[in-house]
Amino acid sequence: MLESLMNCPECSDSDLYVFMDAARSEKDIEEVTKVRSLFNGLNAFKHIETFPANTNKGLARSVIEGVSYVLQKHDDVIVLEDDLVVAPDFLSFMNESLKVYKDRKDIWSISGYTPKLEDIDQSKSNGVFLVPRAQCWGWATWRDRWQTVDWEVGDFEEIAKSKVLQDNFNRGGDDLFRTLKMERRGRIESWAVRWAYAAARNNMLTVNPMQSKVKNIGVAISDSHKSWNSNHHNVELLGNLTIIDPNIKIDENIAKAFKRHHDLNIISKIGYFMRLHNLGYSFLKKMIKKS
């Protein structure tokens, strides 16, 4: 991630804030120390601040506290996690999009990652499109959007009882409400689904490049993200110049293709149900892999 980011010409004009969680256990200390040493003497950025945690916070708390800190100092933020690779024009795309869409109050965030969409020829377009789903693989937003989020999801019981609210949330994929239920029941720790829910609750949209600026390599190598369907998220980074249309409107055909990409198949729905009710989701995944 760091090497690809330094291939962006704008990195030398960028402030870099690095939030480094502590090891979960003693066996992780050596690897955490190696990661922290990557930033010793690094001078590829305009300014670097590092924040090594003394205790393990976990992903959700680390992201929420880190982004909140940066947005106390700046009007907007670009966020990357450590298992991402970015295209050379990633920073230029994000910076320009933050400027262009700042005053569009129907836009919640900018996404650098775009999946392959069935029935959409993405190679023939170098534009952007809108979807009703905030994503978390290389993204950006503004202070005024971030500060509206209720991270405790105080209205969860309302959506849990309302098919209308659930359907609205699931316009970006029918995994969303299921994931929120798991998060609220403590089955997973996810800041991202709460971020996506806040966007949906406010009927706001996210800007995506037609051709992805971000690739996630963690789904292929990390035990915490690996699944039998990791190839579903694989993309190529073409690095084509993106035309950012300030007057972009939602394209229903693209939005439907985007939803289809995220909608769960029957096996995934069974897996979500089992995990939600603590019925042995990990065992199910092992059985599917063997078959």
C-alpha atoms as a PDB file:
ATOM      1  CA  MET A   1       0.000   0.000   0.000  1.00  0.00           C
ATOM      2  CA  LEU A   2       2.722   2.449   0.971  1.00  0.00           C
ATOM      3  CA  GLU A   3       4.780   1.765  -2.149  1.00  0.00           C
ATOM      4  CA  SER A   4       1.788   2.242  -4.449  1.00  0.00           C
ATOM      5  CA  LEU A   5       0.762   5.425  -2.643  1.00  0.00           C
ATOM      6  CA  MET A   6       4.247   6.876  -3.145  1.00  0.00           C
ATOM      7  CA  ASN A   7       3.783   6.343  -6.886  1.00  0.00           C
ATOM      8  CA  CYS A   8       1.099   9.036  -6.803  1.00  0.00           C
ATOM      9  CA  PRO A   9       2.746  12.356  -7.812  1.00  0.00           C
ATOM     10  CA  GLU A  10       0.656  14.235  -5.225  1.00  0.00           C
ATOM     11  CA  CYS A  11       2.097  12.366  -2.223  1.00  0.00           C
ATOM     12  CA  SER A  12       4.890  14.928  -1.762  1.00  0.00           C
ATOM     13  CA  ASP A  13       2.194  17.590  -1.217  1.00  0.00           C
ATOM     14  CA  SER A  14       0.134  15.421   1.116  1.00  0.00           C
ATOM     15  CA  ASP A  15      -0.037  15.187   4.900  1.00  0.00           C
ATOM     16  CA  LEU A  16       0.100  11.561   6.039  1.00  0.00           C
ATOM     17  CA  TYR A  17      -1.407  10.432   9.342  1.00  0.00           C
ATOM     18  CA  VAL A  18      -0.565   6.842  10.286  1.00  0.00           C
ATOM     19  CA  PHE A  19      -2.609   5.076  12.961  1.00  0.00           C
ATOM     20  CA  MET A  20      -0.944   1.853  14.049  1.00  0.00           C
ATOM     21  CA  ASP A  21      -2.779  -0.531  16.327  1.00  0.00           C
ATOM     22  CA  ALA A  22      -0.935  -2.531  18.986  1.00  0.00           C
ATOM     23  CA  ALA A  23      -0.478  -6.297  18.802  1.00  0.00           C
ATOM     24  CA  ARG A  24      -3.414  -8.481  19.766  1.00  0.00           C
ATOM     25  CA  SER A  25      -1.113 -11.001  21.433  1.00  0.00           C
ATOM     26  CA  GLU A  26       2.580 -11.577  22.091  1.00  0.00           C
ATOM     27  CA  LYS A  27       2.987 -13.616  18.892  1.00  0.00           C
ATOM     28  CA  ASP A  28       2.051 -10.508  16.832  1.00  0.00           C
ATOM     29  CA  ILE A  29       4.521  -8.105  18.460  1.00  0.00           C
ATOM     30  CA  GLU A  30       7.405  -8.812  16.052  1.00  0.00           C
ATOM     31  CA  GLU A  31       5.273  -8.241  12.947  1.00  0.00           C
ATOM     32  CA  VAL A  32       3.729  -5.069  14.390  1.00  0.00           C
ATOM     33  CA  THR A  33       7.222  -3.752  15.149  1.00  0.00           C
ATOM     34  CA  LYS A  34       8.281  -4.405  11.548  1.00  0.00           C
ATOM     35  CA  VAL A  35       5.288  -2.471  10.224  1.00  0.00           C
ATOM     36  CA  ARG A  36       5.981   0.478  12.510  1.00  0.00           C
ATOM     37  CA  SER A  37       9.602   0.612  11.352  1.00  0.00           C
ATOM     38  CA  LEU A  38       8.436   1.307   7.771  1.00  0.00           C
ATOM     39  CA  PHE A  39       7.869   4.935   8.710  1.00  0.00           C
ATOM     40  CA  ASN A  40      11.271   5.583  10.302  1.00  0.00           C
ATOM     41  CA  GLY A  41      12.958   8.267   8.217  1.00  0.00           C
ATOM     42  CA  LEU A  42      10.241   8.237   5.550  1.00  0.00           C
ATOM     43  CA  ASN A  43      10.293  11.579   3.721  1.00  0.00           C
ATOM     44  CA  ALA A  44       8.102  10.980   0.660  1.00  0.00           C
ATOM     45  CA  PHE A  45       5.251  13.075   2.074  1.00  0.00           C
ATOM     46  CA  LYS A  46       4.862  16.743   2.948  1.00  0.00           C
ATOM     47  CA  HIS A  47       4.285  15.920   6.608  1.00  0.00           C
ATOM     48  CA  ILE A  48       3.992  12.654   8.539  1.00  0.00           C
ATOM     49  CA  GLU A  49       2.496  11.997  11.962  1.00  0.00           C
ATOM     50  CA  THR A  50       2.430   8.494  13.430  1.00  0.00           C
ATOM     51  CA  PHE A  51       0.155   7.307  16.216  1.00  0.00           C
ATOM     52  CA  PRO A  52       1.306   3.948  17.655  1.00  0.00           C
ATOM     53  CA  ALA A  53      -1.328   2.587  20.037  1.00  0.00           C
ATOM     54  CA  ASN A  54      -0.240   1.140  23.381  1.00  0.00           C
ATOM     55  CA  THR A  55      -3.104  -1.355  23.527  1.00  0.00           C
ATOM     56  CA  ASN A  56      -5.020  -3.176  20.818  1.00  0.00           C
ATOM     57  CA  LYS A  57      -8.069  -1.119  19.890  1.00  0.00           C
ATOM     58  CA  GLY A  58      -9.423  -3.215  17.050  1.00  0.00           C
ATOM     59  CA  LEU A  59     -10.290  -2.000  13.573  1.00  0.00           C
ATOM     60  CA  ALA A  60     -13.537  -0.142  14.235  1.00  0.00           C
ATOM     61  CA  ARG A  61     -12.277   1.989  17.115  1.00  0.00           C
ATOM     62  CA  SER A  62      -8.967   2.646  15.324  1.00  0.00           C
ATOM     63  CA  VAL A  63     -10.680   3.932  12.179  1.00  0.00           C
ATOM     64  CA  ILE A  64     -13.329   6.010  13.943  1.00  0.00           C
ATOM     65  CA  GLU A  65     -10.829   7.666  16.295  1.00  0.00           C
ATOM     66  CA  GLY A  66      -8.234   8.158  13.547  1.00  0.00           C
ATOM     67  CA  VAL A  67     -10.571   9.733  10.999  1.00  0.00           C
ATOM     68  CA  SER A  68     -12.150  11.896  13.702  1.00  0.00           C
ATOM     69  CA  TYR A  69      -8.705  13.181  14.693  1.00  0.00           C
ATOM     70  CA  VAL A  70      -7.771  14.117  11.131  1.00  0.00           C
ATOM     71  CA  LEU A  71     -11.114  15.853  10.553  1.00  0.00           C
ATOM     72  CA  GLN A  72     -10.505  18.053  13.588  1.00  0.00           C
ATOM     73  CA  LYS A  73      -7.586  19.504  11.612  1.00  0.00           C
ATOM     74  CA  HIS A  74      -8.887  19.319   8.031  1.00  0.00           C
ATOM     75  CA  ASP A  75     -12.165  19.783   6.158  1.00  0.00           C
ATOM     76  CA  ASP A  76     -11.796  16.455   4.348  1.00  0.00           C
ATOM     77  CA  VAL A  77      -9.888  13.181   4.540  1.00  0.00           C
ATOM     78  CA  ILE A  78      -8.725  10.328   2.311  1.00  0.00           C
ATOM     79  CA  VAL A  79      -8.568   6.967   4.085  1.00  0.00           C
ATOM     80  CA  LEU A  80      -6.595   3.828   3.247  1.00  0.00           C
ATOM     81  CA  GLU A  81      -6.164   0.597   5.164  1.00  0.00           C
ATOM     82  CA  ASP A  82      -3.006  -1.459   4.945  1.00  0.00           C
ATOM     83  CA  ASP A  83      -4.151  -4.205   2.562  1.00  0.00           C
ATOM     84  CA  LEU A  84      -4.876  -1.935  -0.409  1.00  0.00           C
ATOM     85  CA  VAL A  85      -2.936  -1.100  -3.561  1.00  0.00           C
ATOM     86  CA  VAL A  86      -3.773   2.141  -5.362  1.00  0.00           C
ATOM     87  CA  ALA A  87      -3.405   3.334  -8.945  1.00  0.00           C
ATOM     88  CA  PRO A  88      -0.944   6.186  -9.689  1.00  0.00           C
ATOM     89  CA  ASP A  89      -3.848   8.597 -10.241  1.00  0.00           C
ATOM     90  CA  PHE A  90      -5.637   7.636  -7.011  1.00  0.00           C
ATOM     91  CA  LEU A  91      -4.756  10.805  -5.115  1.00  0.00           C
ATOM     92  CA  SER A  92      -5.514  13.118  -8.031  1.00  0.00           C
ATOM     93  CA  PHE A  93      -8.928  11.479  -8.462  1.00  0.00           C
ATOM     94  CA  MET A  94      -9.760  11.710  -4.764  1.00  0.00           C
ATOM     95  CA  ASN A  95      -8.520  15.275  -4.320  1.00  0.00           C
ATOM     96  CA  GLU A  96     -10.385  16.546  -7.366  1.00  0.00           C
ATOM     97  CA  SER A  97     -13.576  14.701  -6.420  1.00  0.00           C
ATOM     98  CA  LEU A  98     -13.472  16.176  -2.910  1.00  0.00           C
ATOM     99  CA  LYS A  99     -13.343  19.653  -4.439  1.00  0.00           C
ATOM    100  CA  VAL A 100     -15.978  19.073  -7.114  1.00  0.00           C
ATOM    101  CA  TYR A 101     -18.576  17.396  -4.865  1.00  0.00           C
ATOM    102  CA  LYS A 102     -17.998  19.275  -1.624  1.00  0.00           C
ATOM    103  CA  ASP A 103     -21.215  21.267  -1.951  1.00  0.00           C
ATOM    104  CA  ARG A 104     -23.313  18.422  -3.383  1.00  0.00           C
ATOM    105  CA  LYS A 105     -25.342  17.600  -0.279  1.00  0.00           C
ATOM    106  CA  ASP A 106     -26.667  14.408  -1.857  1.00  0.00           C
ATOM    107  CA  ILE A 107     -23.145  12.957  -1.904  1.00  0.00           C
ATOM    108  CA  TRP A 108     -21.810  11.244   1.206  1.00  0.00           C
ATOM    109  CA  SER A 109     -18.380  10.032   0.139  1.00  0.00           C
ATOM    110  CA  ILE A 110     -15.953   9.199  -2.668  1.00  0.00           C
ATOM    111  CA  SER A 111     -14.942   5.588  -3.287  1.00  0.00           C
ATOM    112  CA  GLY A 112     -11.652   4.629  -4.903  1.00  0.00           C
ATOM    113  CA  TYR A 113     -12.654   0.979  -5.239  1.00  0.00           C
ATOM    114  CA  THR A 114     -15.133  -0.157  -7.892  1.00  0.00           C
ATOM    115  CA  PRO A 115     -16.026  -3.826  -8.410  1.00  0.00           C
ATOM    116  CA  LYS A 116     -16.550  -5.523 -11.755  1.00  0.00           C
ATOM    117  CA  LEU A 117     -20.194  -5.010 -12.682  1.00  0.00           C
ATOM    118  CA  GLU A 118     -22.055  -7.676 -14.591  1.00  0.00           C
ATOM    119  CA  ASP A 119     -23.629  -6.505 -17.888  1.00  0.00           C
ATOM    120  CA  ILE A 120     -21.799  -3.143 -17.703  1.00  0.00           C
ATOM    121  CA  ASP A 121     -18.854  -2.570 -20.072  1.00  0.00           C
ATOM    122  CA  GLN A 122     -16.674  -0.544 -17.735  1.00  0.00           C
ATOM    123  CA  SER A 123     -13.737  -0.485 -20.168  1.00  0.00           C
ATOM    124  CA  LYS A 124     -15.640   1.856 -22.479  1.00  0.00           C
ATOM    125  CA  SER A 125     -16.100   4.581 -19.897  1.00  0.00           C
ATOM    126  CA  ASN A 126     -13.627   6.727 -17.971  1.00  0.00           C
ATOM    127  CA  GLY A 127     -16.315   8.574 -16.070  1.00  0.00           C
ATOM    128  CA  VAL A 128     -17.900   8.259 -12.630  1.00  0.00           C
ATOM    129  CA  PHE A 129     -21.211   6.945 -11.353  1.00  0.00           C
ATOM    130  CA  LEU A 130     -23.332   7.165  -8.208  1.00  0.00           C
ATOM    131  CA  VAL A 131     -24.496   4.331  -5.964  1.00  0.00           C
ATOM    132  CA  PRO A 132     -26.502   4.206  -2.712  1.00  0.00           C
ATOM    133  CA  ARG A 133     -23.704   2.481  -0.787  1.00  0.00           C
ATOM    134  CA  ALA A 134     -20.740   3.961   1.058  1.00  0.00           C
ATOM    135  CA  GLN A 135     -17.650   1.775   0.626  1.00  0.00           C
ATOM    136  CA  CYS A 136     -14.489   1.392   2.701  1.00  0.00           C
ATOM    137  CA  TRP A 137     -11.649   0.296   0.382  1.00  0.00           C
ATOM    138  CA  GLY A 138      -9.896   3.591  -0.297  1.00  0.00           C
ATOM    139  CA  TRP A 139     -12.432   6.326   0.297  1.00  0.00           C
ATOM    140  CA  ALA A 140     -12.818  10.000   1.151  1.00  0.00           C
ATOM    141  CA  THR A 141     -15.342  12.268   2.816  1.00  0.00           C
ATOM    142  CA  TRP A 142     -15.861  15.665   4.428  1.00  0.00           C
ATOM    143  CA  ARG A 143     -16.018  16.735   8.053  1.00  0.00           C
ATOM    144  CA  ASP A 144     -19.675  17.783   7.898  1.00  0.00           C
ATOM    145  CA  ARG A 145     -20.755  14.320   6.708  1.00  0.00           C
ATOM    146  CA  TRP A 146     -18.587  12.388   9.165  1.00  0.00           C
ATOM    147  CA  GLN A 147     -19.749  14.359  12.179  1.00  0.00           C
ATOM    148  CA  THR A 148     -23.412  13.440  11.595  1.00  0.00           C
ATOM    149  CA  VAL A 149     -22.843   9.700  12.166  1.00  0.00           C
ATOM    150  CA  ASP A 150     -24.378   8.067  15.222  1.00  0.00           C
ATOM    151  CA  TRP A 151     -21.844   5.299  15.818  1.00  0.00           C
ATOM    152  CA  GLU A 152     -24.115   3.747  18.459  1.00  0.00           C
ATOM    153  CA  VAL A 153     -26.921   3.372  15.862  1.00  0.00           C
ATOM    154  CA  GLY A 154     -29.505   4.636  18.319  1.00  0.00           C
ATOM    155  CA  ASP A 155     -32.363   4.016  15.875  1.00  0.00           C
ATOM    156  CA  PHE A 156     -31.485   0.371  15.220  1.00  0.00           C
ATOM    157  CA  GLU A 157     -34.735  -0.924  16.740  1.00  0.00           C
ATOM    158  CA  GLU A 158     -36.629   1.282  14.293  1.00  0.00           C
ATOM    159  CA  ILE A 159     -34.959  -0.202  11.230  1.00  0.00           C
ATOM    160  CA  ALA A 160     -35.166  -3.697  12.727  1.00  0.00           C
ATOM    161  CA  LYS A 161     -38.971  -3.366  12.730  1.00  0.00           C
ATOM    162  CA  SER A 162     -39.339  -1.571   9.386  1.00  0.00           C
ATOM    163  CA  LYS A 163     -39.206  -3.443   6.061  1.00  0.00           C
ATOM    164  CA  VAL A 164     -39.276  -0.071   4.286  1.00  0.00           C
ATOM    165  CA  LEU A 165     -36.121   1.131   6.044  1.00  0.00           C
ATOM    166  CA  GLN A 166     -34.415  -2.229   5.493  1.00  0.00           C
ATOM    167  CA  ASP A 167     -35.208  -2.156   1.773  1.00  0.00           C
ATOM    168  CA  ASN A 168     -33.873   1.393   1.523  1.00  0.00           C
ATOM    169  CA  PHE A 169     -30.628   0.352   3.207  1.00  0.00           C
ATOM    170  CA  ASN A 170     -30.357  -2.729   0.992  1.00  0.00           C
ATOM    171  CA  ARG A 171     -30.509  -0.710  -2.226  1.00  0.00           C
ATOM    172  CA  GLY A 172     -26.719  -1.029  -2.210  1.00  0.00           C
ATOM    173  CA  GLY A 173     -26.797  -4.804  -1.678  1.00  0.00           C
ATOM    174  CA  ASP A 174     -28.881  -7.143   0.455  1.00  0.00           C
ATOM    175  CA  ASP A 175     -25.883  -7.953   2.638  1.00  0.00           C
ATOM    176  CA  LEU A 176     -26.102  -4.560   4.318  1.00  0.00           C
ATOM    177  CA  PHE A 177     -28.913  -4.985   6.835  1.00  0.00           C
ATOM    178  CA  ARG A 178     -27.740  -8.515   7.634  1.00  0.00           C
ATOM    179  CA  THR A 179     -24.267  -7.155   8.362  1.00  0.00           C
ATOM    180  CA  LEU A 180     -25.663  -4.375  10.537  1.00  0.00           C
ATOM    181  CA  LYS A 181     -27.616  -6.944  12.569  1.00  0.00           C
ATOM    182  CA  MET A 182     -24.459  -8.973  13.117  1.00  0.00           C
ATOM    183  CA  GLU A 183     -22.564  -5.849  14.160  1.00  0.00           C
ATOM    184  CA  ARG A 184     -25.263  -4.803  16.616  1.00  0.00           C
ATOM    185  CA  ARG A 185     -25.335  -8.298  18.127  1.00  0.00           C
ATOM    186  CA  GLY A 186     -21.562  -8.285  18.582  1.00  0.00           C
ATOM    187  CA  ARG A 187     -20.863 -11.028  16.050  1.00  0.00           C
ATOM    188  CA  ILE A 188     -18.516  -8.731  14.101  1.00  0.00           C
ATOM    189  CA  GLU A 189     -16.752  -5.422  14.707  1.00  0.00           C
ATOM    190  CA  SER A 190     -17.519  -3.093  11.801  1.00  0.00           C
ATOM    191  CA  TRP A 191     -17.322   0.661  11.559  1.00  0.00           C
ATOM    192  CA  ALA A 192     -17.972   0.424   7.797  1.00  0.00           C
ATOM    193  CA  VAL A 193     -21.521  -0.940   7.978  1.00  0.00           C
ATOM    194  CA  ARG A 194     -22.442   1.819  10.430  1.00  0.00           C
ATOM    195  CA  TRP A 195     -20.913   4.351   8.047  1.00  0.00           C
ATOM    196  CA  ALA A 196     -22.934   2.869   5.170  1.00  0.00           C
ATOM    197  CA  TYR A 197     -26.093   2.867   7.278  1.00  0.00           C
ATOM    198  CA  ALA A 198     -25.709   6.553   8.140  1.00  0.00           C
ATOM    199  CA  ALA A 199     -25.433   7.342   4.423  1.00  0.00           C
ATOM    200  CA  ALA A 200     -28.549   5.336   3.595  1.00  0.00           C
ATOM    201  CA  ARG A 201     -30.504   6.837   6.487  1.00  0.00           C
ATOM    202  CA  ASN A 202     -29.784  10.268   5.005  1.00  0.00           C
ATOM    203  CA  ASN A 203     -30.560   9.073   1.438  1.00  0.00           C
ATOM    204  CA  MET A 204     -27.084  10.023   0.265  1.00  0.00           C
ATOM    205  CA  LEU A 205     -24.920   8.601  -2.508  1.00  0.00           C
ATOM    206  CA  THR A 206     -21.289   7.694  -3.108  1.00  0.00           C
ATOM    207  CA  VAL A 207     -19.198   8.594  -6.170  1.00  0.00           C
ATOM    208  CA  ASN A 208     -17.321   5.726  -7.850  1.00  0.00           C
ATOM    209  CA  PRO A 209     -14.882   5.752 -10.760  1.00  0.00           C
ATOM    210  CA  MET A 210     -16.064   3.475 -13.568  1.00  0.00           C
ATOM    211  CA  GLN A 211     -12.613   1.857 -13.503  1.00  0.00           C
ATOM    212  CA  SER A 212     -11.281   1.078 -10.044  1.00  0.00           C
ATOM    213  CA  LYS A 213      -8.424   3.082  -8.508  1.00  0.00           C
ATOM    214  CA  VAL A 214      -7.982   0.581  -5.652  1.00  0.00           C
ATOM    215  CA  LYS A 215      -7.314  -3.137  -5.392  1.00  0.00           C
ATOM    216  CA  ASN A 216      -7.690  -5.094  -2.165  1.00  0.00           C
ATOM    217  CA  ILE A 217      -4.959  -7.719  -1.756  1.00  0.00           C
ATOM    218  CA  GLY A 218      -6.031  -8.602   1.783  1.00  0.00           C
ATOM    219  CA  VAL A 219      -8.925 -10.820   0.720  1.00  0.00           C
ATOM    220  CA  ALA A 220      -6.398 -13.168  -0.874  1.00  0.00           C
ATOM    221  CA  ILE A 221      -3.764 -13.304   1.871  1.00  0.00           C
ATOM    222  CA  SER A 222      -5.341 -12.360   5.187  1.00  0.00           C
ATOM    223  CA  ASP A 223      -7.014 -14.898   7.455  1.00  0.00           C
ATOM    224  CA  SER A 224      -9.264 -12.148   8.812  1.00  0.00           C
ATOM    225  CA  HIS A 225     -10.698 -11.305   5.365  1.00  0.00           C
ATOM    226  CA  LYS A 226     -10.253 -14.523   3.372  1.00  0.00           C
ATOM    227  CA  SER A 227     -13.377 -16.201   2.005  1.00  0.00           C
ATOM    228  CA  TRP A 228     -14.202 -18.849  -0.547  1.00  0.00           C
ATOM    229  CA  ASN A 229     -15.381 -16.057  -2.848  1.00  0.00           C
ATOM    230  CA  SER A 230     -12.414 -13.649  -2.599  1.00  0.00           C
ATOM    231  CA  ASN A 231     -12.013 -13.537  -6.396  1.00  0.00           C
ATOM    232  CA  HIS A 232     -15.423 -11.862  -6.541  1.00  0.00           C
ATOM    233  CA  HIS A 233     -13.734  -8.625  -5.466  1.00  0.00           C
ATOM    234  CA  ASN A 234     -10.659  -8.812  -7.715  1.00  0.00           C
ATOM    235  CA  VAL A 235     -10.077  -5.903 -10.125  1.00  0.00           C
ATOM    236  CA  GLU A 236      -7.375  -4.561 -12.424  1.00  0.00           C
ATOM    237  CA  LEU A 237      -5.834  -1.131 -11.939  1.00  0.00           C
ATOM    238  CA  LEU A 238      -5.743   0.422 -15.397  1.00  0.00           C
ATOM    239  CA  GLY A 239      -4.748   3.941 -14.348  1.00  0.00           C
ATOM    240  CA  ASN A 240      -6.905   5.660 -16.965  1.00  0.00           C
ATOM    241  CA  LEU A 241      -7.663   9.348 -16.564  1.00  0.00           C
ATOM    242  CA  THR A 242     -11.110   9.791 -15.016  1.00  0.00           C
ATOM    243  CA  ILE A 243     -13.548  12.495 -16.097  1.00  0.00           C
ATOM    244  CA  ILE A 244     -15.296  13.893 -13.017  1.00  0.00           C
ATOM    245  CA  ASP A 245     -18.757  15.166 -13.912  1.00  0.00           C
ATOM    246  CA  PRO A 246     -19.993  17.694 -11.331  1.00  0.00           C
ATOM    247  CA  ASN A 247     -23.606  17.171 -12.440  1.00  0.00           C
ATOM    248  CA  ILE A 248     -23.583  13.376 -12.354  1.00  0.00           C
ATOM    249  CA  LYS A 249     -26.943  11.717 -11.653  1.00  0.00           C
ATOM    250  CA  ILE A 250     -27.687   8.171 -10.662  1.00  0.00           C
ATOM    251  CA  ASP A 251     -27.899   5.692 -13.546  1.00  0.00           C
ATOM    252  CA  GLU A 252     -30.448   3.043 -12.609  1.00  0.00           C
ATOM    253  CA  ASN A 253     -28.895   0.353 -14.825  1.00  0.00           C
ATOM    254  CA  ILE A 254     -25.509   0.793 -13.169  1.00  0.00           C
ATOM    255  CA  ALA A 255     -27.090   1.004  -9.710  1.00  0.00           C
ATOM    256  CA  LYS A 256     -28.921  -2.292 -10.323  1.00  0.00           C
ATOM    257  CA  ALA A 257     -25.725  -3.968 -11.566  1.00  0.00           C
ATOM    258  CA  PHE A 258     -23.907  -2.669  -8.474  1.00  0.00           C
ATOM    259  CA  LYS A 259     -26.611  -4.091  -6.209  1.00  0.00           C
ATOM    260  CA  ARG A 260     -26.480  -7.454  -8.000  1.00  0.00           C
ATOM    261  CA  HIS A 261     -22.741  -7.591  -7.364  1.00  0.00           C
ATOM    262  CA  HIS A 262     -23.259  -7.217  -3.615  1.00  0.00           C
ATOM    263  CA  ASP A 263     -26.435  -9.265  -3.248  1.00  0.00           C
ATOM    264  CA  LEU A 264     -25.851 -12.568  -1.470  1.00  0.00           C
ATOM    265  CA  ASN A 265     -26.314 -15.969  -3.033  1.00  0.00           C
ATOM    266  CA  ILE A 266     -28.194 -18.646  -1.104  1.00  0.00           C
ATOM    267  CA  ILE A 267     -25.032 -20.124   0.430  1.00  0.00           C
ATOM    268  CA  SER A 268     -23.922 -16.698   1.666  1.00  0.00           C
ATOM    269  CA  LYS A 269     -27.357 -16.018   3.138  1.00  0.00           C
ATOM    270  CA  ILE A 270     -27.195 -19.296   5.055  1.00  0.00           C
ATOM    271  CA  GLY A 271     -23.710 -18.351   6.249  1.00  0.00           C
ATOM    272  CA  TYR A 272     -24.891 -14.951   7.469  1.00  0.00           C
ATOM    273  CA  PHE A 273     -27.824 -16.579   9.292  1.00  0.00           C
ATOM    274  CA  MET A 274     -25.585 -19.122  10.992  1.00  0.00           C
ATOM    275  CA  ARG A 275     -23.083 -16.498  12.049  1.00  0.00           C
ATOM    276  CA  LEU A 276     -25.803 -14.147  13.293  1.00  0.00           C
ATOM    277  CA  HIS A 277     -27.179 -16.903  15.522  1.00  0.00           C
ATOM    278  CA  ASN A 278     -23.747 -18.295  16.428  1.00  0.00           C
ATOM    279  CA  LEU A 279     -24.415 -21.614  14.707  1.00  0.00           C
ATOM    280  CA  GLY A 280     -20.947 -22.409  13.410  1.00  0.00           C
ATOM    281  CA  TYR A 281     -20.309 -20.136  10.424  1.00  0.00           C
ATOM    282  CA  SER A 282     -16.595 -21.013  10.333  1.00  0.00           C
ATOM    283  CA  PHE A 283     -17.421 -24.704  10.093  1.00  0.00           C
ATOM    284  CA  LEU A 284     -19.779 -24.021   7.169  1.00  0.00           C
ATOM    285  CA  LYS A 285     -17.046 -22.164   5.285  1.00  0.00           C
ATOM    286  CA  LYS A 286     -14.675 -25.101   5.727  1.00  0.00           C
ATOM    287  CA  MET A 287     -17.293 -27.518   4.387  1.00  0.00           C
ATOM    288  CA  ILE A 288     -17.928 -25.325   1.338  1.00  0.00           C
ATOM    289  CA  LYS A 289     -14.204 -25.078   0.582  1.00  0.00           C
ATOM    290  CA  LYS A 290     -13.816 -28.855   0.773  1.00  0.00           C
ATOM    291  CA  SER A 291     -16.753 -29.395  -1.556  1.00  0.00           C
END
